[in-house]
Amino acid sequence: MGMISEFKAFAMKGNVVDLAIGVIIGAAFGKIVSSFIEDVLTPLMLKPALEAAHLSKIEDLTIFGSVKYGLFLSAVINFLIVAFVLFLIIKGLNATKKKEEAAPAAPAGPTQEELLIQIRDLLKK
């Protein structure tokens, strides 16, 4: 019974739950990026190159008849887009953290030494 409760405590930690949510959102974001590349980027930007190669999708690019390097190129483009978007997100988060840090701190109360001096003075009276 102890192992089950230990596992439950581990699985319900904030970090594990956050990681699970991140993986799920990452998978959904990956589908969005794939759709962006296949349905938007390829037709708009790569269409002339693909038409010259007599292809409709970048994934159809092959070399030596069987090596599908188009799949690799598609994966590289996906990675670059995801990395760039994550860079922008982290940059935005860092900018908001800097703004929070730059905000003036609330005036601090008396220091410990000042309090001890006040107590000493009160005890003298």
C-alpha atoms as a PDB file:
ATOM      1  CA  MET A   1       0.000   0.000   0.000  1.00  0.00           C
ATOM      2  CA  GLY A   2       2.901   2.334   0.673  1.00  0.00           C
ATOM      3  CA  MET A   3       4.171   2.142  -2.908  1.00  0.00           C
ATOM      4  CA  ILE A   4       0.767   3.063  -4.333  1.00  0.00           C
ATOM      5  CA  SER A   5       0.465   6.125  -2.115  1.00  0.00           C
ATOM      6  CA  GLU A   6       4.044   7.107  -2.983  1.00  0.00           C
ATOM      7  CA  PHE A   7       3.262   6.815  -6.688  1.00  0.00           C
ATOM      8  CA  LYS A   8       0.071   8.855  -6.236  1.00  0.00           C
ATOM      9  CA  ALA A   9       2.043  11.590  -4.451  1.00  0.00           C
ATOM     10  CA  PHE A  10       4.660  11.562  -7.225  1.00  0.00           C
ATOM     11  CA  ALA A  11       2.102  11.617 -10.054  1.00  0.00           C
ATOM     12  CA  MET A  12       0.172  14.469  -8.522  1.00  0.00           C
ATOM     13  CA  LYS A  13       3.161  16.745  -7.985  1.00  0.00           C
ATOM     14  CA  GLY A  14       2.882  20.032  -9.815  1.00  0.00           C
ATOM     15  CA  ASN A  15       5.897  19.358 -12.030  1.00  0.00           C
ATOM     16  CA  VAL A  16       4.547  16.057 -13.360  1.00  0.00           C
ATOM     17  CA  VAL A  17       1.124  17.522 -14.106  1.00  0.00           C
ATOM     18  CA  ASP A  18       2.708  20.579 -15.753  1.00  0.00           C
ATOM     19  CA  LEU A  19       4.889  18.323 -17.886  1.00  0.00           C
ATOM     20  CA  ALA A  20       1.891  16.262 -18.984  1.00  0.00           C
ATOM     21  CA  ILE A  21       0.000  19.401 -19.951  1.00  0.00           C
ATOM     22  CA  GLY A  22       3.043  20.671 -21.841  1.00  0.00           C
ATOM     23  CA  VAL A  23       3.350  17.432 -23.807  1.00  0.00           C
ATOM     24  CA  ILE A  24      -0.330  17.492 -24.765  1.00  0.00           C
ATOM     25  CA  ILE A  25      -0.191  21.127 -25.827  1.00  0.00           C
ATOM     26  CA  GLY A  26       3.057  20.436 -27.696  1.00  0.00           C
ATOM     27  CA  ALA A  27       1.431  17.625 -29.658  1.00  0.00           C
ATOM     28  CA  ALA A  28      -1.476  19.862 -30.600  1.00  0.00           C
ATOM     29  CA  PHE A  29       0.913  22.657 -31.555  1.00  0.00           C
ATOM     30  CA  GLY A  30       2.874  20.185 -33.694  1.00  0.00           C
ATOM     31  CA  LYS A  31      -0.288  19.414 -35.658  1.00  0.00           C
ATOM     32  CA  ILE A  32      -0.893  23.115 -36.176  1.00  0.00           C
ATOM     33  CA  VAL A  33       2.647  23.607 -37.472  1.00  0.00           C
ATOM     34  CA  SER A  34       2.361  20.595 -39.786  1.00  0.00           C
ATOM     35  CA  SER A  35      -0.883  21.935 -41.192  1.00  0.00           C
ATOM     36  CA  PHE A  36       0.681  25.377 -41.609  1.00  0.00           C
ATOM     37  CA  ILE A  37       3.548  23.924 -43.615  1.00  0.00           C
ATOM     38  CA  GLU A  38       1.501  21.523 -45.734  1.00  0.00           C
ATOM     39  CA  ASP A  39      -1.531  23.745 -46.334  1.00  0.00           C
ATOM     40  CA  VAL A  40      -0.165  27.310 -46.263  1.00  0.00           C
ATOM     41  CA  LEU A  41       3.609  27.557 -46.597  1.00  0.00           C
ATOM     42  CA  THR A  42       4.130  24.916 -49.258  1.00  0.00           C
ATOM     43  CA  PRO A  43       1.439  26.204 -51.629  1.00  0.00           C
ATOM     44  CA  LEU A  44       2.434  29.846 -51.216  1.00  0.00           C
ATOM     45  CA  MET A  45       6.215  29.848 -51.059  1.00  0.00           C
ATOM     46  CA  LEU A  46       7.357  26.549 -52.474  1.00  0.00           C
ATOM     47  CA  LYS A  47       4.796  26.146 -55.248  1.00  0.00           C
ATOM     48  CA  PRO A  48       7.088  27.354 -58.076  1.00  0.00           C
ATOM     49  CA  ALA A  49       9.877  25.025 -56.977  1.00  0.00           C
ATOM     50  CA  LEU A  50       7.517  22.096 -56.559  1.00  0.00           C
ATOM     51  CA  GLU A  51       5.883  22.737 -59.939  1.00  0.00           C
ATOM     52  CA  ALA A  52       9.318  22.746 -61.553  1.00  0.00           C
ATOM     53  CA  ALA A  53       9.903  19.335 -59.962  1.00  0.00           C
ATOM     54  CA  HIS A  54       6.388  18.185 -61.023  1.00  0.00           C
ATOM     55  CA  LEU A  55       5.289  17.623 -57.413  1.00  0.00           C
ATOM     56  CA  SER A  56       2.347  18.741 -55.312  1.00  0.00           C
ATOM     57  CA  LYS A  57       3.764  18.347 -51.780  1.00  0.00           C
ATOM     58  CA  ILE A  58       7.255  18.784 -50.347  1.00  0.00           C
ATOM     59  CA  GLU A  59       6.993  15.303 -48.812  1.00  0.00           C
ATOM     60  CA  ASP A  60       6.964  13.815 -52.338  1.00  0.00           C
ATOM     61  CA  LEU A  61      10.551  14.909 -53.059  1.00  0.00           C
ATOM     62  CA  THR A  62      12.741  11.861 -53.620  1.00  0.00           C
ATOM     63  CA  ILE A  63      16.280  11.130 -54.657  1.00  0.00           C
ATOM     64  CA  PHE A  64      17.361   7.935 -56.408  1.00  0.00           C
ATOM     65  CA  GLY A  65      13.677   7.077 -56.704  1.00  0.00           C
ATOM     66  CA  SER A  66      13.197   5.793 -53.163  1.00  0.00           C
ATOM     67  CA  VAL A  67      14.928   8.122 -50.674  1.00  0.00           C
ATOM     68  CA  LYS A  68      12.243  10.591 -49.559  1.00  0.00           C
ATOM     69  CA  TYR A  69      14.289  13.576 -48.503  1.00  0.00           C
ATOM     70  CA  GLY A  70      11.175  15.712 -48.812  1.00  0.00           C
ATOM     71  CA  LEU A  71       9.955  14.244 -45.529  1.00  0.00           C
ATOM     72  CA  PHE A  72      13.225  15.294 -43.938  1.00  0.00           C
ATOM     73  CA  LEU A  73      12.939  18.824 -45.364  1.00  0.00           C
ATOM     74  CA  SER A  74       9.383  19.041 -44.062  1.00  0.00           C
ATOM     75  CA  ALA A  75      10.550  17.945 -40.592  1.00  0.00           C
ATOM     76  CA  VAL A  76      13.369  20.524 -40.652  1.00  0.00           C
ATOM     77  CA  ILE A  77      10.935  23.292 -41.609  1.00  0.00           C
ATOM     78  CA  ASN A  78       8.562  22.145 -38.837  1.00  0.00           C
ATOM     79  CA  PHE A  79      11.410  22.248 -36.324  1.00  0.00           C
ATOM     80  CA  LEU A  80      12.545  25.703 -37.384  1.00  0.00           C
ATOM     81  CA  ILE A  81       9.040  27.119 -37.097  1.00  0.00           C
ATOM     82  CA  VAL A  82       8.475  25.532 -33.675  1.00  0.00           C
ATOM     83  CA  ALA A  83      11.877  26.733 -32.442  1.00  0.00           C
ATOM     84  CA  PHE A  84      11.194  30.258 -33.691  1.00  0.00           C
ATOM     85  CA  VAL A  85       7.754  30.410 -32.079  1.00  0.00           C
ATOM     86  CA  LEU A  86       9.155  29.098 -28.786  1.00  0.00           C
ATOM     87  CA  PHE A  87      11.914  31.699 -28.997  1.00  0.00           C
ATOM     88  CA  LEU A  88       9.296  34.431 -29.386  1.00  0.00           C
ATOM     89  CA  ILE A  89       7.265  33.064 -26.466  1.00  0.00           C
ATOM     90  CA  ILE A  90      10.298  32.891 -24.156  1.00  0.00           C
ATOM     91  CA  LYS A  91      11.399  36.359 -25.270  1.00  0.00           C
ATOM     92  CA  GLY A  92       7.935  37.712 -24.419  1.00  0.00           C
ATOM     93  CA  LEU A  93       7.931  35.982 -21.026  1.00  0.00           C
ATOM     94  CA  ASN A  94      11.370  37.364 -20.220  1.00  0.00           C
ATOM     95  CA  ALA A  95      10.244  40.871 -21.201  1.00  0.00           C
ATOM     96  CA  THR A  96       7.266  40.667 -18.843  1.00  0.00           C
ATOM     97  CA  LYS A  97       9.496  39.383 -16.033  1.00  0.00           C
ATOM     98  CA  LYS A  98      11.861  42.328 -16.543  1.00  0.00           C
ATOM     99  CA  LYS A  99       8.912  44.733 -16.338  1.00  0.00           C
ATOM    100  CA  GLU A 100       7.774  43.095 -13.103  1.00  0.00           C
ATOM    101  CA  GLU A 101      11.279  43.330 -11.659  1.00  0.00           C
ATOM    102  CA  ALA A 102      11.595  46.960 -12.734  1.00  0.00           C
ATOM    103  CA  ALA A 103       8.430  47.884 -10.820  1.00  0.00           C
ATOM    104  CA  PRO A 104       9.336  49.717  -7.637  1.00  0.00           C
ATOM    105  CA  ALA A 105       9.279  47.552  -4.565  1.00  0.00           C
ATOM    106  CA  ALA A 106       6.997  48.442  -1.714  1.00  0.00           C
ATOM    107  CA  PRO A 107       8.796  50.435   0.967  1.00  0.00           C
ATOM    108  CA  ALA A 108      10.255  47.996   3.411  1.00  0.00           C
ATOM    109  CA  GLY A 109       9.457  48.255   7.080  1.00  0.00           C
ATOM    110  CA  PRO A 110      12.084  48.838   9.700  1.00  0.00           C
ATOM    111  CA  THR A 111      15.059  46.527   9.591  1.00  0.00           C
ATOM    112  CA  GLN A 112      15.753  44.020  12.309  1.00  0.00           C
ATOM    113  CA  GLU A 113      18.472  46.237  13.738  1.00  0.00           C
ATOM    114  CA  GLU A 114      16.132  49.232  13.921  1.00  0.00           C
ATOM    115  CA  LEU A 115      13.517  47.127  15.713  1.00  0.00           C
ATOM    116  CA  LEU A 116      16.110  45.897  18.193  1.00  0.00           C
ATOM    117  CA  ILE A 117      17.214  49.505  18.831  1.00  0.00           C
ATOM    118  CA  GLN A 118      13.604  50.521  19.459  1.00  0.00           C
ATOM    119  CA  ILE A 119      13.108  47.603  21.866  1.00  0.00           C
ATOM    120  CA  ARG A 120      16.321  48.517  23.674  1.00  0.00           C
ATOM    121  CA  ASP A 121      15.230  52.123  23.992  1.00  0.00           C
ATOM    122  CA  LEU A 122      11.806  51.080  25.300  1.00  0.00           C
ATOM    123  CA  LEU A 123      13.435  48.780  27.867  1.00  0.00           C
ATOM    124  CA  LYS A 124      15.677  51.611  29.051  1.00  0.00           C
ATOM    125  CA  LYS A 125      12.612  53.765  29.800  1.00  0.00           C
END
